[in-house]
């Protein structure tokens, strides 16, 4: 199951640039080719968000901006992390690009290149680290 951070549900849903502070996630079930939408019970804390996604059954997560704390927790939980770029994308586009292996899988070897909490100081400010 792929976890995609979103800001709201609606007719033209796009990914959010936020991760730990996002209010909702679209969960895409690859076998059933269907979406469900859940409120992020860990919103405001990246580590709690990562644990929430594990509880929901996510095996993959995509992001635009993410700090070190959520990244480490996702990895510890066995959730693969993929960088999709800094611009919001439509859900169908994300699924299509994912199926065509267009996103960068972020791991310990390339994390410093792809992790960015999206703050002015480039440091995580949510207290998750």
Protein backbone atom coordinates (compact mmCIF):
# COMPACT_ATOMS: atom_id res chain seq x y z
CA UNK A 1 0.00 0.00 0.00
CA UNK A 2 1.35 3.42 -1.00
CA UNK A 3 0.82 6.34 1.40
CA UNK A 4 0.45 9.71 -0.33
CA UNK A 5 0.20 12.88 1.79
CA UNK A 6 -2.71 15.12 0.73
CA UNK A 7 -4.14 18.42 1.97
CA UNK A 8 -7.81 17.64 1.30
CA UNK A 9 -10.24 15.43 -0.55
CA UNK A 10 -11.97 16.80 -3.61
CA UNK A 11 -12.31 16.49 -7.35
CA UNK A 12 -8.70 17.32 -8.19
CA UNK A 13 -6.69 15.78 -5.36
CA UNK A 14 -2.96 16.44 -5.43
CA UNK A 15 -0.14 15.39 -3.16
CA UNK A 16 0.84 17.75 -0.38
CA UNK A 17 4.34 19.10 -0.07
CA UNK A 18 4.02 18.42 3.68
CA UNK A 19 4.56 15.04 5.28
CA UNK A 20 4.53 14.95 9.08
CA UNK A 21 2.25 17.97 9.32
CA UNK A 22 -0.26 16.85 6.71
CA UNK A 23 -3.85 16.30 7.84
CA UNK A 24 -4.71 13.42 5.50
CA UNK A 25 -3.26 10.57 3.48
CA UNK A 26 -4.51 8.84 0.36
CA UNK A 27 -3.73 5.14 0.68
CA UNK A 28 -3.44 3.34 -2.66
CA UNK A 29 -3.96 -0.41 -2.57
CA UNK A 30 -1.92 -1.69 -5.50
CA UNK A 31 -3.60 -5.09 -5.81
CA UNK A 32 -7.13 -3.67 -5.78
CA UNK A 33 -6.15 -0.50 -7.68
CA UNK A 34 -8.19 1.60 -5.27
CA UNK A 35 -7.79 4.54 -2.91
CA UNK A 36 -8.96 5.07 0.65
CA UNK A 37 -8.54 8.30 2.57
CA UNK A 38 -7.58 8.61 6.23
CA UNK A 39 -7.10 11.44 8.68
CA UNK A 40 -3.49 11.58 9.89
CA UNK A 41 -3.67 10.84 13.61
CA UNK A 42 0.02 11.76 13.92
CA UNK A 43 -0.26 15.18 12.26
CA UNK A 44 2.24 17.67 13.66
CA UNK A 45 4.90 15.06 14.44
CA UNK A 46 6.81 13.19 11.75
CA UNK A 47 7.64 10.16 13.87
CA UNK A 48 4.01 9.77 15.00
CA UNK A 49 2.94 10.11 11.36
CA UNK A 50 5.36 7.34 10.34
CA UNK A 51 4.02 5.06 13.11
CA UNK A 52 0.44 5.88 12.06
CA UNK A 53 1.20 4.82 8.47
CA UNK A 54 2.67 1.53 9.69
CA UNK A 55 -0.54 0.89 11.68
CA UNK A 56 -2.57 1.53 8.53
CA UNK A 57 -0.57 -1.07 6.59
CA UNK A 58 1.51 1.18 4.34
CA UNK A 59 4.53 -0.48 2.77
CA UNK A 60 5.61 2.55 0.72
CA UNK A 61 5.41 6.30 1.26
CA UNK A 62 6.00 9.19 -1.14
CA UNK A 63 7.00 12.71 -0.17
CA UNK A 64 8.13 16.14 -1.33
CA UNK A 65 9.63 17.44 1.93
CA UNK A 66 10.64 15.17 4.81
CA UNK A 67 13.00 15.44 7.74
CA UNK A 68 15.44 12.90 9.11
CA UNK A 69 13.23 11.75 12.02
CA UNK A 70 10.25 10.57 9.93
CA UNK A 71 12.60 9.02 7.36
CA UNK A 72 14.39 6.95 10.01
CA UNK A 73 11.09 5.85 11.59
CA UNK A 74 9.64 4.81 8.23
CA UNK A 75 12.75 2.78 7.48
CA UNK A 76 12.71 1.21 10.94
CA UNK A 77 9.07 0.24 10.30
CA UNK A 78 9.94 -1.42 6.98
CA UNK A 79 8.24 1.25 4.85
CA UNK A 80 10.11 2.13 1.63
CA UNK A 81 10.42 5.88 1.00
CA UNK A 82 10.24 7.55 -2.43
CA UNK A 83 10.99 11.16 -3.38
CA UNK A 84 8.51 12.56 -5.93
CA UNK A 85 9.89 16.10 -6.33
CA UNK A 86 8.95 19.40 -4.75
CA UNK A 87 5.76 20.10 -6.73
CA UNK A 88 2.32 18.62 -5.91
CA UNK A 89 1.16 15.87 -8.27
CA UNK A 90 -2.23 14.35 -9.04
CA UNK A 91 -2.91 10.94 -7.49
CA UNK A 92 -3.33 9.16 -10.83
CA UNK A 93 -0.03 10.66 -12.02
CA UNK A 94 1.72 9.44 -8.87
CA UNK A 95 0.39 5.90 -9.35
CA UNK A 96 1.39 5.90 -13.02
CA UNK A 97 4.87 7.26 -12.33
CA UNK A 98 5.29 4.79 -9.45
CA UNK A 99 4.39 1.84 -11.70
CA UNK A 100 6.97 3.05 -14.23
CA UNK A 101 9.71 3.34 -11.57
CA UNK A 102 10.09 7.10 -12.09
CA UNK A 103 10.61 8.03 -8.43
CA UNK A 104 13.84 7.92 -6.47
CA UNK A 105 13.91 5.35 -3.68
CA UNK A 106 15.54 7.06 -0.73
CA UNK A 107 17.79 5.00 1.51
CA UNK A 108 20.68 5.51 3.91
CA UNK A 109 23.11 5.95 1.02
CA UNK A 110 21.31 8.85 -0.69
CA UNK A 111 19.20 10.31 2.14
CA UNK A 112 21.35 13.41 2.62
CA UNK A 113 20.77 14.30 -1.02
CA UNK A 114 16.97 13.88 -0.93
CA UNK A 115 15.86 14.75 2.61
CA UNK A 116 14.72 18.32 3.21
CA UNK A 117 12.22 19.20 5.95
CA UNK A 118 11.05 22.20 3.92
CA UNK A 119 11.79 24.81 6.56
CA UNK A 120 13.66 28.09 6.06
CA UNK A 121 16.53 26.81 8.19
CA UNK A 122 16.48 23.37 6.50
CA UNK A 123 16.17 21.86 9.97
CA UNK A 124 13.20 19.91 11.26
CA UNK A 125 11.17 22.00 13.70
CA UNK A 126 8.47 19.55 14.72
CA UNK A 127 10.52 18.02 17.53
CA UNK A 128 10.51 14.56 15.95
CA UNK A 129 14.27 14.00 15.93
